[in-house]
Amino acid sequence: MSADGAWKISINTPMGPQEANANITTSGDTFTGEISSALLGSQTIQGQVAGDTLTWTSDITSPMPLTLEFEAKVEGDKMSGSVKLGPFGAGALNGVRA
């Protein structure tokens, strides 16, 4: 299933749910795109595609410097997975095509 397109994503964090918008373009076993949220700002992302699963990391500076590690499975118009939140454990990730 292709992950190409616009997504509305929700990430459960210790600071409560964080909403983000993402645009993804796949090319073989890689993808590029952009993700933006009110708290984390906007940044370019790139990662790996393995079947229906996307993985990538994002270095953020707000609300504090952290490296977030994403893993998301795409099933039709839904996305689910988790985000490793540095020393704060992991949070669930859910998304739908926008």
PDB file of N, CA and C in Angstrom:
ATOM      1  N   MET A   1       0.842  -1.178   0.000  1.00  0.00           N
ATOM      2  CA  MET A   1       0.000   0.000   0.000  1.00  0.00           C
ATOM      3  C   MET A   1       0.885   1.238   0.000  1.00  0.00           C
ATOM      4  N   SER A   2       0.552   2.162  -0.839  1.00  0.00           N
ATOM      5  CA  SER A   2       1.341   3.389  -0.943  1.00  0.00           C
ATOM      6  C   SER A   2       1.031   4.344   0.205  1.00  0.00           C
ATOM      7  N   ALA A   3       2.070   4.930   0.742  1.00  0.00           N
ATOM      8  CA  ALA A   3       1.921   5.924   1.804  1.00  0.00           C
ATOM      9  C   ALA A   3       1.903   7.336   1.240  1.00  0.00           C
ATOM     10  N   ASP A   4       2.010   7.464  -0.083  1.00  0.00           N
ATOM     11  CA  ASP A   4       2.067   8.788  -0.706  1.00  0.00           C
ATOM     12  C   ASP A   4       0.828   9.618  -0.361  1.00  0.00           C
ATOM     13  N   GLY A   5       1.073  10.900  -0.096  1.00  0.00           N
ATOM     14  CA  GLY A   5      -0.032  11.812   0.120  1.00  0.00           C
ATOM     15  C   GLY A   5       0.057  12.573   1.416  1.00  0.00           C
ATOM     16  N   ALA A   6      -1.056  13.232   1.742  1.00  0.00           N
ATOM     17  CA  ALA A   6      -1.152  14.049   2.959  1.00  0.00           C
ATOM     18  C   ALA A   6      -1.787  13.234   4.083  1.00  0.00           C
ATOM     19  N   TRP A   7      -1.261  13.435   5.298  1.00  0.00           N
ATOM     20  CA  TRP A   7      -1.717  12.695   6.483  1.00  0.00           C
ATOM     21  C   TRP A   7      -1.948  13.642   7.648  1.00  0.00           C
ATOM     22  N   LYS A   8      -2.957  13.339   8.456  1.00  0.00           N
ATOM     23  CA  LYS A   8      -3.162  13.988   9.748  1.00  0.00           C
ATOM     24  C   LYS A   8      -2.778  12.945  10.794  1.00  0.00           C
ATOM     25  N   ILE A   9      -1.795  13.288  11.639  1.00  0.00           N
ATOM     26  CA  ILE A   9      -1.213  12.331  12.577  1.00  0.00           C
ATOM     27  C   ILE A   9      -1.381  12.842  14.008  1.00  0.00           C
ATOM     28  N   SER A  10      -1.664  11.925  14.925  1.00  0.00           N
ATOM     29  CA  SER A  10      -1.730  12.233  16.349  1.00  0.00           C
ATOM     30  C   SER A  10      -0.713  11.355  17.071  1.00  0.00           C
ATOM     31  N   ILE A  11       0.106  11.982  17.930  1.00  0.00           N
ATOM     32  CA  ILE A  11       1.130  11.269  18.693  1.00  0.00           C
ATOM     33  C   ILE A  11       0.844  11.469  20.175  1.00  0.00           C
ATOM     34  N   ASN A  12       0.710  10.370  20.919  1.00  0.00           N
ATOM     35  CA  ASN A  12       0.510  10.463  22.370  1.00  0.00           C
ATOM     36  C   ASN A  12       1.862  10.707  23.030  1.00  0.00           C
ATOM     37  N   THR A  13       1.972  11.813  23.765  1.00  0.00           N
ATOM     38  CA  THR A  13       3.218  12.174  24.438  1.00  0.00           C
ATOM     39  C   THR A  13       2.942  12.455  25.907  1.00  0.00           C
ATOM     40  N   PRO A  14       3.990  12.555  26.741  1.00  0.00           N
ATOM     41  CA  PRO A  14       3.785  12.925  28.141  1.00  0.00           C
ATOM     42  C   PRO A  14       3.134  14.312  28.294  1.00  0.00           C
ATOM     43  N   MET A  15       3.214  15.146  27.249  1.00  0.00           N
ATOM     44  CA  MET A  15       2.603  16.473  27.277  1.00  0.00           C
ATOM     45  C   MET A  15       1.197  16.458  26.685  1.00  0.00           C
ATOM     46  N   GLY A  16       0.639  15.267  26.487  1.00  0.00           N
ATOM     47  CA  GLY A  16      -0.674  15.125  25.879  1.00  0.00           C
ATOM     48  C   GLY A  16      -0.559  14.837  24.395  1.00  0.00           C
ATOM     49  N   PRO A  17      -1.690  14.612  23.734  1.00  0.00           N
ATOM     50  CA  PRO A  17      -1.667  14.325  22.299  1.00  0.00           C
ATOM     51  C   PRO A  17      -1.130  15.510  21.504  1.00  0.00           C
ATOM     52  N   GLN A  18      -0.263  15.219  20.548  1.00  0.00           N
ATOM     53  CA  GLN A  18       0.288  16.247  19.661  1.00  0.00           C
ATOM     54  C   GLN A  18      -0.177  15.947  18.244  1.00  0.00           C
ATOM     55  N   GLU A  19      -0.812  16.928  17.618  1.00  0.00           N
ATOM     56  CA  GLU A  19      -1.323  16.774  16.261  1.00  0.00           C
ATOM     57  C   GLU A  19      -0.279  17.272  15.264  1.00  0.00           C
ATOM     58  N   ALA A  20      -0.160  16.576  14.149  1.00  0.00           N
ATOM     59  CA  ALA A  20       0.802  16.953  13.109  1.00  0.00           C
ATOM     60  C   ALA A  20       0.199  16.691  11.735  1.00  0.00           C
ATOM     61  N   ASN A  21       0.686  17.419  10.759  1.00  0.00           N
ATOM     62  CA  ASN A  21       0.338  17.192   9.360  1.00  0.00           C
ATOM     63  C   ASN A  21       1.602  16.745   8.643  1.00  0.00           C
ATOM     64  N   ALA A  22       1.461  15.734   7.788  1.00  0.00           N
ATOM     65  CA  ALA A  22       2.611  15.231   7.052  1.00  0.00           C
ATOM     66  C   ALA A  22       2.258  15.056   5.580  1.00  0.00           C
ATOM     67  N   ASN A  23       3.239  15.275   4.726  1.00  0.00           N
ATOM     68  CA  ASN A  23       3.147  14.974   3.304  1.00  0.00           C
ATOM     69  C   ASN A  23       4.280  14.030   2.976  1.00  0.00           C
ATOM     70  N   ILE A  24       3.947  12.905   2.346  1.00  0.00           N
ATOM     71  CA  ILE A  24       4.921  11.842   2.103  1.00  0.00           C
ATOM     72  C   ILE A  24       4.947  11.481   0.624  1.00  0.00           C
ATOM     73  N   THR A  25       6.162  11.293   0.100  1.00  0.00           N
ATOM     74  CA  THR A  25       6.363  10.816  -1.271  1.00  0.00           C
ATOM     75  C   THR A  25       7.345   9.656  -1.222  1.00  0.00           C
ATOM     76  N   THR A  26       6.887   8.470  -1.620  1.00  0.00           N
ATOM     77  CA  THR A  26       7.752   7.295  -1.605  1.00  0.00           C
ATOM     78  C   THR A  26       8.456   7.135  -2.950  1.00  0.00           C
ATOM     79  N   SER A  27       9.621   6.476  -2.888  1.00  0.00           N
ATOM     80  CA  SER A  27      10.380   6.146  -4.092  1.00  0.00           C
ATOM     81  C   SER A  27      11.134   4.853  -3.805  1.00  0.00           C
ATOM     82  N   GLY A  28      10.554   3.729  -4.207  1.00  0.00           N
ATOM     83  CA  GLY A  28      11.181   2.438  -3.915  1.00  0.00           C
ATOM     84  C   GLY A  28      11.183   2.163  -2.424  1.00  0.00           C
ATOM     85  N   ASP A  29      12.377   1.956  -1.861  1.00  0.00           N
ATOM     86  CA  ASP A  29      12.457   1.634  -0.435  1.00  0.00           C
ATOM     87  C   ASP A  29      12.814   2.841   0.432  1.00  0.00           C
ATOM     88  N   THR A  30      12.601   4.053  -0.099  1.00  0.00           N
ATOM     89  CA  THR A  30      12.822   5.271   0.686  1.00  0.00           C
ATOM     90  C   THR A  30      11.636   6.216   0.513  1.00  0.00           C
ATOM     91  N   PHE A  31      11.572   7.234   1.363  1.00  0.00           N
ATOM     92  CA  PHE A  31      10.566   8.266   1.202  1.00  0.00           C
ATOM     93  C   PHE A  31      11.126   9.603   1.682  1.00  0.00           C
ATOM     94  N   THR A  32      10.517  10.666   1.213  1.00  0.00           N
ATOM     95  CA  THR A  32      10.824  12.019   1.671  1.00  0.00           C
ATOM     96  C   THR A  32       9.507  12.707   1.969  1.00  0.00           C
ATOM     97  N   GLY A  33       9.598  13.818   2.684  1.00  0.00           N
ATOM     98  CA  GLY A  33       8.380  14.559   2.975  1.00  0.00           C
ATOM     99  C   GLY A  33       8.630  15.673   3.957  1.00  0.00           C
ATOM    100  N   GLU A  34       7.521  16.168   4.510  1.00  0.00           N
ATOM    101  CA  GLU A  34       7.569  17.227   5.508  1.00  0.00           C
ATOM    102  C   GLU A  34       6.523  16.926   6.566  1.00  0.00           C
ATOM    103  N   ILE A  35       6.857  17.226   7.814  1.00  0.00           N
ATOM    104  CA  ILE A  35       5.921  17.077   8.918  1.00  0.00           C
ATOM    105  C   ILE A  35       5.915  18.382   9.696  1.00  0.00           C
ATOM    106  N   SER A  36       4.733  18.795  10.139  1.00  0.00           N
ATOM    107  CA  SER A  36       4.645  20.047  10.896  1.00  0.00           C
ATOM    108  C   SER A  36       3.599  19.921  11.993  1.00  0.00           C
ATOM    109  N   SER A  37       3.878  20.589  13.112  1.00  0.00           N
ATOM    110  CA  SER A  37       2.935  20.658  14.229  1.00  0.00           C
ATOM    111  C   SER A  37       3.158  21.965  14.970  1.00  0.00           C
ATOM    112  N   ALA A  38       2.161  22.369  15.721  1.00  0.00           N
ATOM    113  CA  ALA A  38       2.258  23.628  16.466  1.00  0.00           C
ATOM    114  C   ALA A  38       3.411  23.589  17.469  1.00  0.00           C
ATOM    115  N   LEU A  39       3.584  22.481  18.169  1.00  0.00           N
ATOM    116  CA  LEU A  39       4.615  22.391  19.199  1.00  0.00           C
ATOM    117  C   LEU A  39       6.003  22.111  18.620  1.00  0.00           C
ATOM    118  N   LEU A  40       6.083  21.203  17.651  1.00  0.00           N
ATOM    119  CA  LEU A  40       7.385  20.746  17.157  1.00  0.00           C
ATOM    120  C   LEU A  40       7.891  21.522  15.954  1.00  0.00           C
ATOM    121  N   GLY A  41       7.066  22.369  15.375  1.00  0.00           N
ATOM    122  CA  GLY A  41       7.483  23.132  14.210  1.00  0.00           C
ATOM    123  C   GLY A  41       7.379  22.310  12.943  1.00  0.00           C
ATOM    124  N   SER A  42       8.075  22.740  11.901  1.00  0.00           N
ATOM    125  CA  SER A  42       8.034  22.088  10.602  1.00  0.00           C
ATOM    126  C   SER A  42       9.432  21.606  10.237  1.00  0.00           C
ATOM    127  N   GLN A  43       9.512  20.399   9.681  1.00  0.00           N
ATOM    128  CA  GLN A  43      10.809  19.894   9.262  1.00  0.00           C
ATOM    129  C   GLN A  43      10.665  18.892   8.125  1.00  0.00           C
ATOM    130  N   THR A  44      11.729  18.809   7.344  1.00  0.00           N
ATOM    131  CA  THR A  44      11.812  17.831   6.272  1.00  0.00           C
ATOM    132  C   THR A  44      12.147  16.479   6.886  1.00  0.00           C
ATOM    133  N   ILE A  45      11.515  15.433   6.369  1.00  0.00           N
ATOM    134  CA  ILE A  45      11.800  14.084   6.850  1.00  0.00           C
ATOM    135  C   ILE A  45      12.204  13.205   5.677  1.00  0.00           C
ATOM    136  N   GLN A  46      12.988  12.199   5.970  1.00  0.00           N
ATOM    137  CA  GLN A  46      13.326  11.161   4.994  1.00  0.00           C
ATOM    138  C   GLN A  46      13.535   9.878   5.767  1.00  0.00           C
ATOM    139  N   GLY A  47      13.149   8.770   5.149  1.00  0.00           N
ATOM    140  CA  GLY A  47      13.264   7.509   5.855  1.00  0.00           C
ATOM    141  C   GLY A  47      13.189   6.322   4.931  1.00  0.00           C
ATOM    142  N   GLN A  48      12.926   5.178   5.537  1.00  0.00           N
ATOM    143  CA  GLN A  48      12.919   3.896   4.848  1.00  0.00           C
ATOM    144  C   GLN A  48      11.498   3.356   4.720  1.00  0.00           C
ATOM    145  N   VAL A  49      11.268   2.617   3.635  1.00  0.00           N
ATOM    146  CA  VAL A  49      10.011   1.924   3.402  1.00  0.00           C
ATOM    147  C   VAL A  49      10.324   0.436   3.328  1.00  0.00           C
ATOM    148  N   ALA A  50       9.656  -0.354   4.162  1.00  0.00           N
ATOM    149  CA  ALA A  50       9.802  -1.812   4.126  1.00  0.00           C
ATOM    150  C   ALA A  50       8.392  -2.400   4.073  1.00  0.00           C
ATOM    151  N   GLY A  51       7.946  -2.757   2.867  1.00  0.00           N
ATOM    152  CA  GLY A  51       6.571  -3.239   2.710  1.00  0.00           C
ATOM    153  C   GLY A  51       5.600  -2.111   3.002  1.00  0.00           C
ATOM    154  N   ASP A  52       4.792  -2.285   4.041  1.00  0.00           N
ATOM    155  CA  ASP A  52       3.814  -1.263   4.417  1.00  0.00           C
ATOM    156  C   ASP A  52       4.252  -0.443   5.635  1.00  0.00           C
ATOM    157  N   THR A  53       5.544  -0.524   5.999  1.00  0.00           N
ATOM    158  CA  THR A  53       6.046   0.142   7.192  1.00  0.00           C
ATOM    159  C   THR A  53       7.056   1.238   6.841  1.00  0.00           C
ATOM    160  N   LEU A  54       6.848   2.403   7.448  1.00  0.00           N
ATOM    161  CA  LEU A  54       7.760   3.541   7.295  1.00  0.00           C
ATOM    162  C   LEU A  54       8.542   3.711   8.585  1.00  0.00           C
ATOM    163  N   THR A  55       9.842   4.017   8.478  1.00  0.00           N
ATOM    164  CA  THR A  55      10.652   4.344   9.659  1.00  0.00           C
ATOM    165  C   THR A  55      11.477   5.582   9.347  1.00  0.00           C
ATOM    166  N   TRP A  56      11.592   6.468  10.370  1.00  0.00           N
ATOM    167  CA  TRP A  56      12.422   7.668  10.222  1.00  0.00           C
ATOM    168  C   TRP A  56      12.715   8.254  11.592  1.00  0.00           C
ATOM    169  N   THR A  57      13.694   9.135  11.635  1.00  0.00           N
ATOM    170  CA  THR A  57      14.010   9.864  12.866  1.00  0.00           C
ATOM    171  C   THR A  57      13.879  11.356  12.604  1.00  0.00           C
ATOM    172  N   SER A  58      13.561  12.086  13.674  1.00  0.00           N
ATOM    173  CA  SER A  58      13.485  13.546  13.611  1.00  0.00           C
ATOM    174  C   SER A  58      14.186  14.115  14.830  1.00  0.00           C
ATOM    175  N   ASP A  59      15.069  15.066  14.599  1.00  0.00           N
ATOM    176  CA  ASP A  59      15.714  15.783  15.695  1.00  0.00           C
ATOM    177  C   ASP A  59      14.917  17.053  15.942  1.00  0.00           C
ATOM    178  N   ILE A  60      14.399  17.197  17.162  1.00  0.00           N
ATOM    179  CA  ILE A  60      13.616  18.384  17.500  1.00  0.00           C
ATOM    180  C   ILE A  60      14.366  19.228  18.526  1.00  0.00           C
ATOM    181  N   THR A  61      14.009  20.479  18.609  1.00  0.00           N
ATOM    182  CA  THR A  61      14.607  21.375  19.605  1.00  0.00           C
ATOM    183  C   THR A  61      13.559  21.941  20.549  1.00  0.00           C
ATOM    184  N   SER A  62      12.274  21.814  20.204  1.00  0.00           N
ATOM    185  CA  SER A  62      11.197  22.334  21.041  1.00  0.00           C
ATOM    186  C   SER A  62      10.232  21.207  21.351  1.00  0.00           C
ATOM    187  N   PRO A  63       9.836  20.998  22.575  1.00  0.00           N
ATOM    188  CA  PRO A  63      10.080  21.859  23.731  1.00  0.00           C
ATOM    189  C   PRO A  63      11.453  21.652  24.373  1.00  0.00           C
ATOM    190  N   MET A  64      12.201  20.634  23.872  1.00  0.00           N
ATOM    191  CA  MET A  64      13.572  20.395  24.324  1.00  0.00           C
ATOM    192  C   MET A  64      14.276  19.567  23.261  1.00  0.00           C
ATOM    193  N   PRO A  65      15.602  19.569  23.226  1.00  0.00           N
ATOM    194  CA  PRO A  65      16.299  18.767  22.220  1.00  0.00           C
ATOM    195  C   PRO A  65      16.085  17.266  22.442  1.00  0.00           C
ATOM    196  N   LEU A  66      15.565  16.590  21.422  1.00  0.00           N
ATOM    197  CA  LEU A  66      15.326  15.145  21.464  1.00  0.00           C
ATOM    198  C   LEU A  66      15.438  14.582  20.057  1.00  0.00           C
ATOM    199  N   THR A  67      15.783  13.311  19.978  1.00  0.00           N
ATOM    200  CA  THR A  67      15.673  12.582  18.724  1.00  0.00           C
ATOM    201  C   THR A  67      14.467  11.663  18.846  1.00  0.00           C
ATOM    202  N   LEU A  68      13.502  11.841  17.955  1.00  0.00           N
ATOM    203  CA  LEU A  68      12.306  11.008  17.923  1.00  0.00           C
ATOM    204  C   LEU A  68      12.495   9.928  16.871  1.00  0.00           C
ATOM    205  N   GLU A  69      12.124   8.687  17.208  1.00  0.00           N
ATOM    206  CA  GLU A  69      12.256   7.563  16.285  1.00  0.00           C
ATOM    207  C   GLU A  69      10.860   7.030  15.965  1.00  0.00           C
ATOM    208  N   PHE A  70      10.467   7.161  14.690  1.00  0.00           N
ATOM    209  CA  PHE A  70       9.127   6.804  14.248  1.00  0.00           C
ATOM    210  C   PHE A  70       9.114   5.447  13.552  1.00  0.00           C
ATOM    211  N   GLU A  71       8.037   4.689  13.772  1.00  0.00           N
ATOM    212  CA  GLU A  71       7.737   3.486  13.009  1.00  0.00           C
ATOM    213  C   GLU A  71       6.237   3.461  12.805  1.00  0.00           C
ATOM    214  N   ALA A  72       5.798   3.472  11.542  1.00  0.00           N
ATOM    215  CA  ALA A  72       4.371   3.551  11.245  1.00  0.00           C
ATOM    216  C   ALA A  72       4.007   2.573  10.140  1.00  0.00           C
ATOM    217  N   LYS A  73       2.931   1.841  10.365  1.00  0.00           N
ATOM    218  CA  LYS A  73       2.419   0.895   9.380  1.00  0.00           C
ATOM    219  C   LYS A  73       1.225   1.531   8.679  1.00  0.00           C
ATOM    220  N   VAL A  74       1.224   1.480   7.352  1.00  0.00           N
ATOM    221  CA  VAL A  74       0.145   2.053   6.553  1.00  0.00           C
ATOM    222  C   VAL A  74      -0.778   0.924   6.104  1.00  0.00           C
ATOM    223  N   GLU A  75      -2.064   1.093   6.415  1.00  0.00           N
ATOM    224  CA  GLU A  75      -3.091   0.143   5.980  1.00  0.00           C
ATOM    225  C   GLU A  75      -4.222   0.942   5.361  1.00  0.00           C
ATOM    226  N   GLY A  76      -4.236   0.985   4.027  1.00  0.00           N
ATOM    227  CA  GLY A  76      -5.254   1.764   3.328  1.00  0.00           C
ATOM    228  C   GLY A  76      -5.091   3.237   3.632  1.00  0.00           C
ATOM    229  N   ASP A  77      -6.133   3.830   4.212  1.00  0.00           N
ATOM    230  CA  ASP A  77      -6.109   5.253   4.548  1.00  0.00           C
ATOM    231  C   ASP A  77      -5.821   5.502   6.024  1.00  0.00           C
ATOM    232  N   LYS A  78      -5.248   4.500   6.700  1.00  0.00           N
ATOM    233  CA  LYS A  78      -4.905   4.636   8.117  1.00  0.00           C
ATOM    234  C   LYS A  78      -3.435   4.326   8.335  1.00  0.00           C
ATOM    235  N   MET A  79      -2.884   4.931   9.368  1.00  0.00           N
ATOM    236  CA  MET A  79      -1.497   4.730   9.757  1.00  0.00           C
ATOM    237  C   MET A  79      -1.487   4.496  11.268  1.00  0.00           C
ATOM    238  N   SER A  80      -0.696   3.538  11.730  1.00  0.00           N
ATOM    239  CA  SER A  80      -0.570   3.316  13.171  1.00  0.00           C
ATOM    240  C   SER A  80       0.858   2.867  13.468  1.00  0.00           C
ATOM    241  N   GLY A  81       1.297   3.154  14.676  1.00  0.00           N
ATOM    242  CA  GLY A  81       2.643   2.769  15.060  1.00  0.00           C
ATOM    243  C   GLY A  81       3.040   3.390  16.369  1.00  0.00           C
ATOM    244  N   SER A  82       4.333   3.693  16.489  1.00  0.00           N
ATOM    245  CA  SER A  82       4.826   4.263  17.742  1.00  0.00           C
ATOM    246  C   SER A  82       5.980   5.215  17.462  1.00  0.00           C
ATOM    247  N   VAL A  83       6.235   6.061  18.456  1.00  0.00           N
ATOM    248  CA  VAL A  83       7.335   7.013  18.394  1.00  0.00           C
ATOM    249  C   VAL A  83       8.138   6.875  19.675  1.00  0.00           C
ATOM    250  N   LYS A  84       9.432   6.572  19.560  1.00  0.00           N
ATOM    251  CA  LYS A  84      10.310   6.570  20.734  1.00  0.00           C
ATOM    252  C   LYS A  84      10.623   8.022  21.046  1.00  0.00           C
ATOM    253  N   LEU A  85      10.358   8.411  22.286  1.00  0.00           N
ATOM    254  CA  LEU A  85      10.470   9.797  22.722  1.00  0.00           C
ATOM    255  C   LEU A  85      11.703  10.015  23.588  1.00  0.00           C
ATOM    256  N   GLY A  86      12.856   9.545  23.111  1.00  0.00           N
ATOM    257  CA  GLY A  86      14.089   9.697  23.889  1.00  0.00           C
ATOM    258  C   GLY A  86      13.934   9.071  25.259  1.00  0.00           C
ATOM    259  N   PRO A  87      14.316   9.776  26.334  1.00  0.00           N
ATOM    260  CA  PRO A  87      14.242   9.219  27.683  1.00  0.00           C
ATOM    261  C   PRO A  87      12.818   9.155  28.235  1.00  0.00           C
ATOM    262  N   PHE A  88      11.815   9.585  27.449  1.00  0.00           N
ATOM    263  CA  PHE A  88      10.434   9.626  27.926  1.00  0.00           C
ATOM    264  C   PHE A  88       9.604   8.445  27.443  1.00  0.00           C
ATOM    265  N   GLY A  89      10.261   7.360  27.024  1.00  0.00           N
ATOM    266  CA  GLY A  89       9.537   6.163  26.609  1.00  0.00           C
ATOM    267  C   GLY A  89       9.038   6.262  25.172  1.00  0.00           C
ATOM    268  N   ALA A  90       7.888   5.668  24.938  1.00  0.00           N
ATOM    269  CA  ALA A  90       7.318   5.660  23.594  1.00  0.00           C
ATOM    270  C   ALA A  90       5.864   6.081  23.664  1.00  0.00           C
ATOM    271  N   GLY A  91       5.381   6.615  22.566  1.00  0.00           N
ATOM    272  CA  GLY A  91       3.976   7.007  22.469  1.00  0.00           C
ATOM    273  C   GLY A  91       3.372   6.420  21.212  1.00  0.00           C
ATOM    274  N   ALA A  92       2.064   6.182  21.269  1.00  0.00           N
ATOM    275  CA  ALA A  92       1.352   5.658  20.105  1.00  0.00           C
ATOM    276  C   ALA A  92       1.205   6.726  19.042  1.00  0.00           C
ATOM    277  N   LEU A  93       1.237   6.312  17.802  1.00  0.00           N
ATOM    278  CA  LEU A  93       1.032   7.177  16.663  1.00  0.00           C
ATOM    279  C   LEU A  93      -0.153   6.649  15.875  1.00  0.00           C
ATOM    280  N   ASN A  94      -1.093   7.529  15.517  1.00  0.00           N
ATOM    281  CA  ASN A  94      -2.232   7.159  14.686  1.00  0.00           C
ATOM    282  C   ASN A  94      -2.426   8.248  13.658  1.00  0.00           C
ATOM    283  N   GLY A  95      -2.800   7.855  12.449  1.00  0.00           N
ATOM    284  CA  GLY A  95      -3.013   8.844  11.410  1.00  0.00           C
ATOM    285  C   GLY A  95      -4.068   8.403  10.411  1.00  0.00           C
ATOM    286  N   VAL A  96      -4.592   9.402   9.694  1.00  0.00           N
ATOM    287  CA  VAL A  96      -5.540   9.158   8.603  1.00  0.00           C
ATOM    288  C   VAL A  96      -5.140  10.048   7.428  1.00  0.00           C
ATOM    289  N   ARG A  97      -5.458   9.590   6.232  1.00  0.00           N
ATOM    290  CA  ARG A  97      -5.189  10.424   5.051  1.00  0.00           C
ATOM    291  C   ARG A  97      -6.020  11.687   5.140  1.00  0.00           C
ATOM    292  N   ALA A  98      -5.395  12.781   4.784  1.00  0.00           N
ATOM    293  CA  ALA A  98      -6.094  14.072   4.837  1.00  0.00           C
ATOM    294  C   ALA A  98      -6.810  14.328   3.527  1.00  0.00           C
TER     295      ALA A  98
END
